[in-house]
Amino acid sequence: MRASISNRLKEERQRLAKSQREFAAAIGCAKTTQCNYEQGHRSPDAEYLAAAHDEGIDILYVITGRRATPYKKEEVEIIEAVRTHPEAFAIGLLMSALAERESGLRKPQAETCGELENNEGRDHA
């Protein structure tokens, strides 16, 4: 059975990790209006859909059931992970940046080995 507009609207709001109250406040409608849309008692108008889009709702998906994203499934999963756990993503970026910085401060292993080989045959008097 295909999901209805109301079900997809709820799914999208939950994807953004917002409560009905938070989402309604963000787009400028009452919580009861949001509930009515998600329960299928009322249909959202164009003004509501435009505001929902501005908050990150995939309106094409809500209306048609087809995603508007040009991203591959794996890319969408990464985006969702970042949205769901922004702190973990920020920590990962910081750790990566620190590791890159640290590796840039040290000589690459190949140069160190080459220097040792070049010094082995010399007499040290």
C-alpha atoms as a PDB file:
ATOM      1  CA  MET A   1       0.000   0.000   0.000  1.00  0.00           C
ATOM      2  CA  ARG A   2       1.390   3.391  -0.978  1.00  0.00           C
ATOM      3  CA  ALA A   3       2.025   5.872   1.754  1.00  0.00           C
ATOM      4  CA  SER A   4      -0.216   8.922   1.701  1.00  0.00           C
ATOM      5  CA  ILE A   5       0.847  12.564   1.642  1.00  0.00           C
ATOM      6  CA  SER A   6       0.110  12.790   5.357  1.00  0.00           C
ATOM      7  CA  ASN A   7       2.294   9.769   6.139  1.00  0.00           C
ATOM      8  CA  ARG A   8       5.159  11.055   4.001  1.00  0.00           C
ATOM      9  CA  LEU A   9       4.894  14.497   5.605  1.00  0.00           C
ATOM     10  CA  LYS A  10       5.216  12.906   9.045  1.00  0.00           C
ATOM     11  CA  GLU A  11       8.099  10.744   7.826  1.00  0.00           C
ATOM     12  CA  GLU A  12       9.939  13.808   6.523  1.00  0.00           C
ATOM     13  CA  ARG A  13       9.428  15.733   9.768  1.00  0.00           C
ATOM     14  CA  GLN A  14      10.775  12.767  11.722  1.00  0.00           C
ATOM     15  CA  ARG A  15      13.720  12.500   9.317  1.00  0.00           C
ATOM     16  CA  LEU A  16      14.630  16.038  10.378  1.00  0.00           C
ATOM     17  CA  ALA A  17      14.384  14.906  14.017  1.00  0.00           C
ATOM     18  CA  LYS A  18      11.803  17.548  14.924  1.00  0.00           C
ATOM     19  CA  SER A  19       8.706  17.181  17.056  1.00  0.00           C
ATOM     20  CA  GLN A  20       5.376  18.351  15.692  1.00  0.00           C
ATOM     21  CA  ARG A  21       5.560  21.366  17.987  1.00  0.00           C
ATOM     22  CA  GLU A  22       9.130  22.253  16.895  1.00  0.00           C
ATOM     23  CA  PHE A  23       8.352  21.857  13.211  1.00  0.00           C
ATOM     24  CA  ALA A  24       5.096  23.813  13.401  1.00  0.00           C
ATOM     25  CA  ALA A  25       6.862  26.669  15.187  1.00  0.00           C
ATOM     26  CA  ALA A  26       9.688  26.670  12.631  1.00  0.00           C
ATOM     27  CA  ILE A  27       7.319  27.092   9.701  1.00  0.00           C
ATOM     28  CA  GLY A  28       4.808  29.338  11.435  1.00  0.00           C
ATOM     29  CA  CYS A  29       1.733  27.195  11.943  1.00  0.00           C
ATOM     30  CA  ALA A  30      -0.049  25.784  14.970  1.00  0.00           C
ATOM     31  CA  LYS A  31       0.765  22.320  16.311  1.00  0.00           C
ATOM     32  CA  THR A  32      -2.866  21.314  15.732  1.00  0.00           C
ATOM     33  CA  THR A  33      -2.510  22.298  12.066  1.00  0.00           C
ATOM     34  CA  GLN A  34       0.593  20.111  11.794  1.00  0.00           C
ATOM     35  CA  CYS A  35      -1.285  17.236  13.453  1.00  0.00           C
ATOM     36  CA  ASN A  36      -4.210  17.657  11.054  1.00  0.00           C
ATOM     37  CA  TYR A  37      -1.869  17.511   8.053  1.00  0.00           C
ATOM     38  CA  GLU A  38      -0.065  14.428   9.358  1.00  0.00           C
ATOM     39  CA  GLN A  39      -3.328  12.638  10.189  1.00  0.00           C
ATOM     40  CA  GLY A  40      -4.828  13.409   6.793  1.00  0.00           C
ATOM     41  CA  HIS A  41      -7.679  15.541   8.181  1.00  0.00           C
ATOM     42  CA  ARG A  42      -6.517  18.536   6.137  1.00  0.00           C
ATOM     43  CA  SER A  43      -4.287  19.049   3.118  1.00  0.00           C
ATOM     44  CA  PRO A  44      -1.389  21.478   3.279  1.00  0.00           C
ATOM     45  CA  ASP A  45      -1.559  24.552   1.035  1.00  0.00           C
ATOM     46  CA  ALA A  46       1.217  25.950  -1.145  1.00  0.00           C
ATOM     47  CA  GLU A  47       2.349  28.459   1.486  1.00  0.00           C
ATOM     48  CA  TYR A  48       2.787  25.683   4.066  1.00  0.00           C
ATOM     49  CA  LEU A  49       4.641  23.472   1.550  1.00  0.00           C
ATOM     50  CA  ALA A  50       7.010  26.329   0.631  1.00  0.00           C
ATOM     51  CA  ALA A  51       7.787  26.936   4.313  1.00  0.00           C
ATOM     52  CA  ALA A  52       8.259  23.202   4.889  1.00  0.00           C
ATOM     53  CA  HIS A  53      10.683  23.087   1.959  1.00  0.00           C
ATOM     54  CA  ASP A  54      12.668  25.944   3.499  1.00  0.00           C
ATOM     55  CA  GLU A  55      13.008  23.828   6.667  1.00  0.00           C
ATOM     56  CA  GLY A  56      14.436  20.871   4.715  1.00  0.00           C
ATOM     57  CA  ILE A  57      11.346  18.845   3.808  1.00  0.00           C
ATOM     58  CA  ASP A  58      11.558  17.071   0.433  1.00  0.00           C
ATOM     59  CA  ILE A  59       8.260  18.381  -0.953  1.00  0.00           C
ATOM     60  CA  LEU A  60       8.457  16.332  -4.160  1.00  0.00           C
ATOM     61  CA  TYR A  61       8.649  13.217  -1.995  1.00  0.00           C
ATOM     62  CA  VAL A  62       5.753  14.337   0.210  1.00  0.00           C
ATOM     63  CA  ILE A  63       3.504  14.909  -2.799  1.00  0.00           C
ATOM     64  CA  THR A  64       4.615  12.167  -5.214  1.00  0.00           C
ATOM     65  CA  GLY A  65       6.545   9.623  -3.171  1.00  0.00           C
ATOM     66  CA  ARG A  66       9.665  10.202  -5.322  1.00  0.00           C
ATOM     67  CA  ARG A  67      12.797  11.764  -3.837  1.00  0.00           C
ATOM     68  CA  ALA A  68      14.058  15.028  -5.286  1.00  0.00           C
ATOM     69  CA  THR A  69      17.643  14.421  -4.208  1.00  0.00           C
ATOM     70  CA  PRO A  70      20.349  14.034  -6.841  1.00  0.00           C
ATOM     71  CA  TYR A  71      22.371  12.036  -4.319  1.00  0.00           C
ATOM     72  CA  LYS A  72      23.046   8.318  -4.322  1.00  0.00           C
ATOM     73  CA  LYS A  73      21.590   6.192  -1.535  1.00  0.00           C
ATOM     74  CA  GLU A  74      24.978   5.995   0.231  1.00  0.00           C
ATOM     75  CA  GLU A  75      25.374   9.772   0.103  1.00  0.00           C
ATOM     76  CA  VAL A  76      21.903  10.269   1.560  1.00  0.00           C
ATOM     77  CA  GLU A  77      22.806   7.859   4.400  1.00  0.00           C
ATOM     78  CA  ILE A  78      25.901   9.932   5.187  1.00  0.00           C
ATOM     79  CA  ILE A  79      23.882  13.150   5.166  1.00  0.00           C
ATOM     80  CA  GLU A  80      21.293  11.570   7.456  1.00  0.00           C
ATOM     81  CA  ALA A  81      24.039  10.403   9.832  1.00  0.00           C
ATOM     82  CA  VAL A  82      25.470  13.922   9.975  1.00  0.00           C
ATOM     83  CA  ARG A  83      22.006  15.388  10.631  1.00  0.00           C
ATOM     84  CA  THR A  84      21.247  12.806  13.296  1.00  0.00           C
ATOM     85  CA  HIS A  85      24.643  12.968  15.052  1.00  0.00           C
ATOM     86  CA  PRO A  86      26.257  16.329  14.246  1.00  0.00           C
ATOM     87  CA  GLU A  87      28.515  16.173  17.318  1.00  0.00           C
ATOM     88  CA  ALA A  88      30.031  12.848  16.251  1.00  0.00           C
ATOM     89  CA  PHE A  89      30.605  14.195  12.749  1.00  0.00           C
ATOM     90  CA  ALA A  90      32.301  17.319  14.100  1.00  0.00           C
ATOM     91  CA  ILE A  91      34.547  15.203  16.334  1.00  0.00           C
ATOM     92  CA  GLY A  92      35.445  12.999  13.355  1.00  0.00           C
ATOM     93  CA  LEU A  93      36.389  16.030  11.263  1.00  0.00           C
ATOM     94  CA  LEU A  94      38.494  17.415  14.093  1.00  0.00           C
ATOM     95  CA  MET A  95      40.281  14.092  14.593  1.00  0.00           C
ATOM     96  CA  SER A  96      40.962  13.839  10.862  1.00  0.00           C
ATOM     97  CA  ALA A  97      42.319  17.394  10.723  1.00  0.00           C
ATOM     98  CA  LEU A  98      44.575  16.767  13.721  1.00  0.00           C
ATOM     99  CA  ALA A  99      45.873  13.533  12.198  1.00  0.00           C
ATOM    100  CA  GLU A 100      46.657  15.325   8.929  1.00  0.00           C
ATOM    101  CA  ARG A 101      48.417  18.114  10.786  1.00  0.00           C
ATOM    102  CA  GLU A 102      50.432  15.657  12.840  1.00  0.00           C
ATOM    103  CA  SER A 103      51.460  13.637   9.784  1.00  0.00           C
ATOM    104  CA  GLY A 104      52.583  16.837   8.063  1.00  0.00           C
ATOM    105  CA  LEU A 105      54.860  17.664  11.016  1.00  0.00           C
ATOM    106  CA  ARG A 106      56.682  14.345  10.831  1.00  0.00           C
ATOM    107  CA  LYS A 107      59.013  13.260   8.036  1.00  0.00           C
ATOM    108  CA  PRO A 108      57.491  10.600   5.814  1.00  0.00           C
ATOM    109  CA  GLN A 109      58.758   7.101   6.673  1.00  0.00           C
ATOM    110  CA  ALA A 110      60.303   6.584   3.221  1.00  0.00           C
ATOM    111  CA  GLU A 111      62.625   9.592   3.650  1.00  0.00           C
ATOM    112  CA  THR A 112      63.775   8.405   7.054  1.00  0.00           C
ATOM    113  CA  CYS A 113      64.583   4.938   5.684  1.00  0.00           C
ATOM    114  CA  GLY A 114      66.454   6.439   2.733  1.00  0.00           C
ATOM    115  CA  GLU A 115      68.511   8.625   5.024  1.00  0.00           C
ATOM    116  CA  LEU A 116      69.456   5.613   7.132  1.00  0.00           C
ATOM    117  CA  GLU A 117      70.507   3.591   4.082  1.00  0.00           C
ATOM    118  CA  ASN A 118      72.623   6.457   2.767  1.00  0.00           C
ATOM    119  CA  ASN A 119      74.377   6.848   6.118  1.00  0.00           C
ATOM    120  CA  GLU A 120      75.122   3.115   6.621  1.00  0.00           C
ATOM    121  CA  GLY A 121      77.973   2.938   4.123  1.00  0.00           C
ATOM    122  CA  ARG A 122      79.827   6.003   5.448  1.00  0.00           C
ATOM    123  CA  ASP A 123      82.757   5.894   7.760  1.00  0.00           C
ATOM    124  CA  HIS A 124      82.214   7.842  10.885  1.00  0.00           C
ATOM    125  CA  ALA A 125      85.689   8.617  12.191  1.00  0.00           C
END
